Structure formats: C-alpha cells, structure tokens
Amino acid sequence: MSIIENVLIALGLSPAKELTDSMRESKTLTIMVVVGLILFGGFALFLLHMAGKQ
C-alpha cells in the first residue's frame, strides 16, 4: 500500500482502492484531492481556533 492509500483509508473513504487507482492516472484528480484535504484541515483548525476564543 502506498502512503496515499493509507491516508484515504484513515480518513474513512471506503472506495479508497478505486480512488487511488484513478488518482494514479489523473494528476488533476490528485491535485484536487490534496487541495481539498488541505482546505478541509485548514477549516477545521479555523473552527477550533474560533471556538477557543469563546
């Protein structure tokens, strides 16, 4: 298993095998998934930061 497969399985994406196969074929999909994970993580950190100010 590659690192990408392990991350996707840890995130609970059940069709991880099919997604990783598609990501290997498409650079655009890989970039979209990585950017989406970064944005989602940033939003989660923003929410935690704002909750800490309350």
PDB file of N, CA and C in Angstrom:
ATOM      1  N   MET A   1       0.838  -1.188   0.000  1.00  0.00           N
ATOM      2  CA  MET A   1       0.000   0.000   0.000  1.00  0.00           C
ATOM      3  C   MET A   1       0.877   1.244   0.000  1.00  0.00           C
ATOM      4  N   SER A   2       0.404   2.225  -0.705  1.00  0.00           N
ATOM      5  CA  SER A   2       1.157   3.466  -0.749  1.00  0.00           C
ATOM      6  C   SER A   2       0.677   4.397   0.360  1.00  0.00           C
ATOM      7  N   ILE A   3       1.361   5.490   0.519  1.00  0.00           N
ATOM      8  CA  ILE A   3       1.011   6.473   1.547  1.00  0.00           C
ATOM      9  C   ILE A   3      -0.365   7.066   1.269  1.00  0.00           C
ATOM     10  N   ILE A   4      -0.665   7.328   0.000  1.00  0.00           N
ATOM     11  CA  ILE A   4      -1.964   7.915  -0.355  1.00  0.00           C
ATOM     12  C   ILE A   4      -3.091   6.977   0.032  1.00  0.00           C
ATOM     13  N   GLU A   5      -2.931   5.684  -0.222  1.00  0.00           N
ATOM     14  CA  GLU A   5      -3.959   4.712   0.140  1.00  0.00           C
ATOM     15  C   GLU A   5      -4.164   4.683   1.649  1.00  0.00           C
ATOM     16  N   ASN A   6      -3.083   4.727   2.410  1.00  0.00           N
ATOM     17  CA  ASN A   6      -3.197   4.707   3.872  1.00  0.00           C
ATOM     18  C   ASN A   6      -3.921   5.940   4.394  1.00  0.00           C
ATOM     19  N   VAL A   7      -3.626   7.105   3.826  1.00  0.00           N
ATOM     20  CA  VAL A   7      -4.292   8.334   4.258  1.00  0.00           C
ATOM     21  C   VAL A   7      -5.781   8.281   3.945  1.00  0.00           C
ATOM     22  N   LEU A   8      -6.129   7.826   2.750  1.00  0.00           N
ATOM     23  CA  LEU A   8      -7.538   7.758   2.365  1.00  0.00           C
ATOM     24  C   LEU A   8      -8.310   6.757   3.208  1.00  0.00           C
ATOM     25  N   ILE A   9      -7.697   5.635   3.537  1.00  0.00           N
ATOM     26  CA  ILE A   9      -8.362   4.657   4.396  1.00  0.00           C
ATOM     27  C   ILE A   9      -8.526   5.221   5.803  1.00  0.00           C
ATOM     28  N   ALA A  10      -7.508   5.947   6.305  1.00  0.00           N
ATOM     29  CA  ALA A  10      -7.602   6.549   7.631  1.00  0.00           C
ATOM     30  C   ALA A  10      -8.692   7.611   7.695  1.00  0.00           C
ATOM     31  N   LEU A  11      -8.946   8.286   6.575  1.00  0.00           N
ATOM     32  CA  LEU A  11      -9.993   9.305   6.537  1.00  0.00           C
ATOM     33  C   LEU A  11     -11.391   8.699   6.385  1.00  0.00           C
ATOM     34  N   GLY A  12     -11.456   7.404   6.192  1.00  0.00           N
ATOM     35  CA  GLY A  12     -12.744   6.749   6.095  1.00  0.00           C
ATOM     36  C   GLY A  12     -13.353   6.757   4.711  1.00  0.00           C
ATOM     37  N   LEU A  13     -12.551   6.991   3.701  1.00  0.00           N
ATOM     38  CA  LEU A  13     -13.059   6.935   2.333  1.00  0.00           C
ATOM     39  C   LEU A  13     -13.082   5.471   1.906  1.00  0.00           C
ATOM     40  N   SER A  14     -14.272   4.874   1.911  1.00  0.00           N
ATOM     41  CA  SER A  14     -14.385   3.438   1.690  1.00  0.00           C
ATOM     42  C   SER A  14     -13.927   2.980   0.311  1.00  0.00           C
ATOM     43  N   PRO A  15     -14.223   3.695  -0.775  1.00  0.00           N
ATOM     44  CA  PRO A  15     -13.705   3.211  -2.061  1.00  0.00           C
ATOM     45  C   PRO A  15     -12.273   3.693  -2.306  1.00  0.00           C
ATOM     46  N   ALA A  16     -11.415   3.496  -1.316  1.00  0.00           N
ATOM     47  CA  ALA A  16     -10.054   4.023  -1.405  1.00  0.00           C
ATOM     48  C   ALA A  16      -9.279   3.390  -2.552  1.00  0.00           C
ATOM     49  N   LYS A  17      -9.503   2.131  -2.806  1.00  0.00           N
ATOM     50  CA  LYS A  17      -8.756   1.452  -3.873  1.00  0.00           C
ATOM     51  C   LYS A  17      -9.087   2.060  -5.234  1.00  0.00           C
ATOM     52  N   GLU A  18     -10.373   2.268  -5.495  1.00  0.00           N
ATOM     53  CA  GLU A  18     -10.767   2.836  -6.777  1.00  0.00           C
ATOM     54  C   GLU A  18     -10.297   4.284  -6.905  1.00  0.00           C
ATOM     55  N   LEU A  19     -10.381   5.028  -5.807  1.00  0.00           N
ATOM     56  CA  LEU A  19      -9.938   6.424  -5.840  1.00  0.00           C
ATOM     57  C   LEU A  19      -8.440   6.514  -6.074  1.00  0.00           C
ATOM     58  N   THR A  20      -7.671   5.674  -5.406  1.00  0.00           N
ATOM     59  CA  THR A  20      -6.219   5.729  -5.608  1.00  0.00           C
ATOM     60  C   THR A  20      -5.838   5.294  -7.021  1.00  0.00           C
ATOM     61  N   ASP A  21      -6.575   4.327  -7.572  1.00  0.00           N
ATOM     62  CA  ASP A  21      -6.306   3.941  -8.963  1.00  0.00           C
ATOM     63  C   ASP A  21      -6.572   5.104  -9.902  1.00  0.00           C
ATOM     64  N   SER A  22      -7.659   5.827  -9.667  1.00  0.00           N
ATOM     65  CA  SER A  22      -7.979   6.983 -10.502  1.00  0.00           C
ATOM     66  C   SER A  22      -6.967   8.105 -10.292  1.00  0.00           C
ATOM     67  N   MET A  23      -6.513   8.271  -9.027  1.00  0.00           N
ATOM     68  CA  MET A  23      -5.538   9.325  -8.745  1.00  0.00           C
ATOM     69  C   MET A  23      -4.206   9.034  -9.412  1.00  0.00           C
ATOM     70  N   ARG A  24      -3.849   7.770  -9.548  1.00  0.00           N
ATOM     71  CA  ARG A  24      -2.599   7.423 -10.234  1.00  0.00           C
ATOM     72  C   ARG A  24      -2.654   7.782 -11.701  1.00  0.00           C
ATOM     73  N   GLU A  25      -3.841   7.708 -12.295  1.00  0.00           N
ATOM     74  CA  GLU A  25      -3.986   8.004 -13.717  1.00  0.00           C
ATOM     75  C   GLU A  25      -4.170   9.489 -13.994  1.00  0.00           C
ATOM     76  N   SER A  26      -4.691  10.240 -13.027  1.00  0.00           N
ATOM     77  CA  SER A  26      -5.037  11.639 -13.260  1.00  0.00           C
ATOM     78  C   SER A  26      -4.310  12.554 -12.281  1.00  0.00           C
ATOM     79  N   LYS A  27      -3.418  13.384 -12.804  1.00  0.00           N
ATOM     80  CA  LYS A  27      -2.723  14.350 -11.960  1.00  0.00           C
ATOM     81  C   LYS A  27      -3.689  15.406 -11.439  1.00  0.00           C
ATOM     82  N   THR A  28      -4.679  15.757 -12.255  1.00  0.00           N
ATOM     83  CA  THR A  28      -5.656  16.761 -11.849  1.00  0.00           C
ATOM     84  C   THR A  28      -6.459  16.287 -10.648  1.00  0.00           C
ATOM     85  N   LEU A  29      -6.904  15.041 -10.660  1.00  0.00           N
ATOM     86  CA  LEU A  29      -7.658  14.496  -9.537  1.00  0.00           C
ATOM     87  C   LEU A  29      -6.798  14.460  -8.285  1.00  0.00           C
ATOM     88  N   THR A  30      -5.536  14.090  -8.434  1.00  0.00           N
ATOM     89  CA  THR A  30      -4.624  14.061  -7.290  1.00  0.00           C
ATOM     90  C   THR A  30      -4.486  15.447  -6.678  1.00  0.00           C
ATOM     91  N   ILE A  31      -4.308  16.448  -7.516  1.00  0.00           N
ATOM     92  CA  ILE A  31      -4.181  17.818  -7.024  1.00  0.00           C
ATOM     93  C   ILE A  31      -5.473  18.260  -6.339  1.00  0.00           C
ATOM     94  N   MET A  32      -6.619  17.906  -6.928  1.00  0.00           N
ATOM     95  CA  MET A  32      -7.903  18.293  -6.334  1.00  0.00           C
ATOM     96  C   MET A  32      -8.105  17.654  -4.968  1.00  0.00           C
ATOM     97  N   VAL A  33      -7.736  16.390  -4.827  1.00  0.00           N
ATOM     98  CA  VAL A  33      -7.878  15.700  -3.544  1.00  0.00           C
ATOM     99  C   VAL A  33      -6.954  16.310  -2.505  1.00  0.00           C
ATOM    100  N   VAL A  34      -5.712  16.573  -2.872  1.00  0.00           N
ATOM    101  CA  VAL A  34      -4.746  17.153  -1.927  1.00  0.00           C
ATOM    102  C   VAL A  34      -5.188  18.548  -1.503  1.00  0.00           C
ATOM    103  N   VAL A  35      -5.596  19.380  -2.456  1.00  0.00           N
ATOM    104  CA  VAL A  35      -6.055  20.734  -2.122  1.00  0.00           C
ATOM    105  C   VAL A  35      -7.304  20.671  -1.252  1.00  0.00           C
ATOM    106  N   GLY A  36      -8.212  19.754  -1.551  1.00  0.00           N
ATOM    107  CA  GLY A  36      -9.415  19.603  -0.742  1.00  0.00           C
ATOM    108  C   GLY A  36      -9.099  19.205   0.689  1.00  0.00           C
ATOM    109  N   LEU A  37      -8.154  18.290   0.858  1.00  0.00           N
ATOM    110  CA  LEU A  37      -7.756  17.889   2.213  1.00  0.00           C
ATOM    111  C   LEU A  37      -7.100  19.038   2.969  1.00  0.00           C
ATOM    112  N   ILE A  38      -6.289  19.826   2.275  1.00  0.00           N
ATOM    113  CA  ILE A  38      -5.647  20.976   2.918  1.00  0.00           C
ATOM    114  C   ILE A  38      -6.698  22.010   3.334  1.00  0.00           C
ATOM    115  N   LEU A  39      -7.642  22.295   2.434  1.00  0.00           N
ATOM    116  CA  LEU A  39      -8.689  23.262   2.764  1.00  0.00           C
ATOM    117  C   LEU A  39      -9.571  22.772   3.908  1.00  0.00           C
ATOM    118  N   PHE A  40      -9.928  21.493   3.888  1.00  0.00           N
ATOM    119  CA  PHE A  40     -10.750  20.933   4.954  1.00  0.00           C
ATOM    120  C   PHE A  40     -10.016  20.990   6.291  1.00  0.00           C
ATOM    121  N   GLY A  41      -8.732  20.637   6.283  1.00  0.00           N
ATOM    122  CA  GLY A  41      -7.931  20.707   7.505  1.00  0.00           C
ATOM    123  C   GLY A  41      -7.784  22.126   8.008  1.00  0.00           C
ATOM    124  N   GLY A  42      -7.576  23.069   7.088  1.00  0.00           N
ATOM    125  CA  GLY A  42      -7.481  24.472   7.470  1.00  0.00           C
ATOM    126  C   GLY A  42      -8.777  24.990   8.061  1.00  0.00           C
ATOM    127  N   PHE A  43      -9.900  24.583   7.496  1.00  0.00           N
ATOM    128  CA  PHE A  43     -11.195  24.999   8.021  1.00  0.00           C
ATOM    129  C   PHE A  43     -11.432  24.420   9.418  1.00  0.00           C
ATOM    130  N   ALA A  44     -11.042  23.166   9.622  1.00  0.00           N
ATOM    131  CA  ALA A  44     -11.182  22.545  10.939  1.00  0.00           C
ATOM    132  C   ALA A  44     -10.318  23.277  11.970  1.00  0.00           C
ATOM    133  N   LEU A  45      -9.098  23.632  11.590  1.00  0.00           N
ATOM    134  CA  LEU A  45      -8.234  24.382  12.509  1.00  0.00           C
ATOM    135  C   LEU A  45      -8.797  25.769  12.788  1.00  0.00           C
ATOM    136  N   PHE A  46      -9.376  26.403  11.781  1.00  0.00           N
ATOM    137  CA  PHE A  46     -10.008  27.709  11.964  1.00  0.00           C
ATOM    138  C   PHE A  46     -11.162  27.606  12.960  1.00  0.00           C
ATOM    139  N   LEU A  47     -11.984  26.584  12.812  1.00  0.00           N
ATOM    140  CA  LEU A  47     -13.108  26.412  13.739  1.00  0.00           C
ATOM    141  C   LEU A  47     -12.620  26.166  15.169  1.00  0.00           C
ATOM    142  N   LEU A  48     -11.564  25.364  15.306  1.00  0.00           N
ATOM    143  CA  LEU A  48     -11.006  25.133  16.648  1.00  0.00           C
ATOM    144  C   LEU A  48     -10.449  26.423  17.234  1.00  0.00           C
ATOM    145  N   HIS A  49      -9.800  27.214  16.407  1.00  0.00           N
ATOM    146  CA  HIS A  49      -9.253  28.491  16.858  1.00  0.00           C
ATOM    147  C   HIS A  49     -10.368  29.438  17.311  1.00  0.00           C
ATOM    148  N   MET A  50     -11.442  29.517  16.524  1.00  0.00           N
ATOM    149  CA  MET A  50     -12.550  30.395  16.876  1.00  0.00           C
ATOM    150  C   MET A  50     -13.286  29.903  18.123  1.00  0.00           C
ATOM    151  N   ALA A  51     -13.386  28.591  18.286  1.00  0.00           N
ATOM    152  CA  ALA A  51     -14.048  28.043  19.475  1.00  0.00           C
ATOM    153  C   ALA A  51     -13.219  28.330  20.724  1.00  0.00           C
ATOM    154  N   GLY A  52     -11.899  28.400  20.569  1.00  0.00           N
ATOM    155  CA  GLY A  52     -11.033  28.705  21.704  1.00  0.00           C
ATOM    156  C   GLY A  52     -11.159  30.142  22.173  1.00  0.00           C
ATOM    157  N   LYS A  53     -11.650  31.033  21.319  1.00  0.00           N
ATOM    158  CA  LYS A  53     -11.813  32.429  21.703  1.00  0.00           C
ATOM    159  C   LYS A  53     -13.076  32.681  22.493  1.00  0.00           C
ATOM    160  N   GLN A  54     -13.987  31.703  22.524  1.00  0.00           N
ATOM    161  CA  GLN A  54     -15.264  31.882  23.236  1.00  0.00           C
ATOM    162  C   GLN A  54     -15.082  31.776  24.732  1.00  0.00           C
TER     163      GLN A  54
END
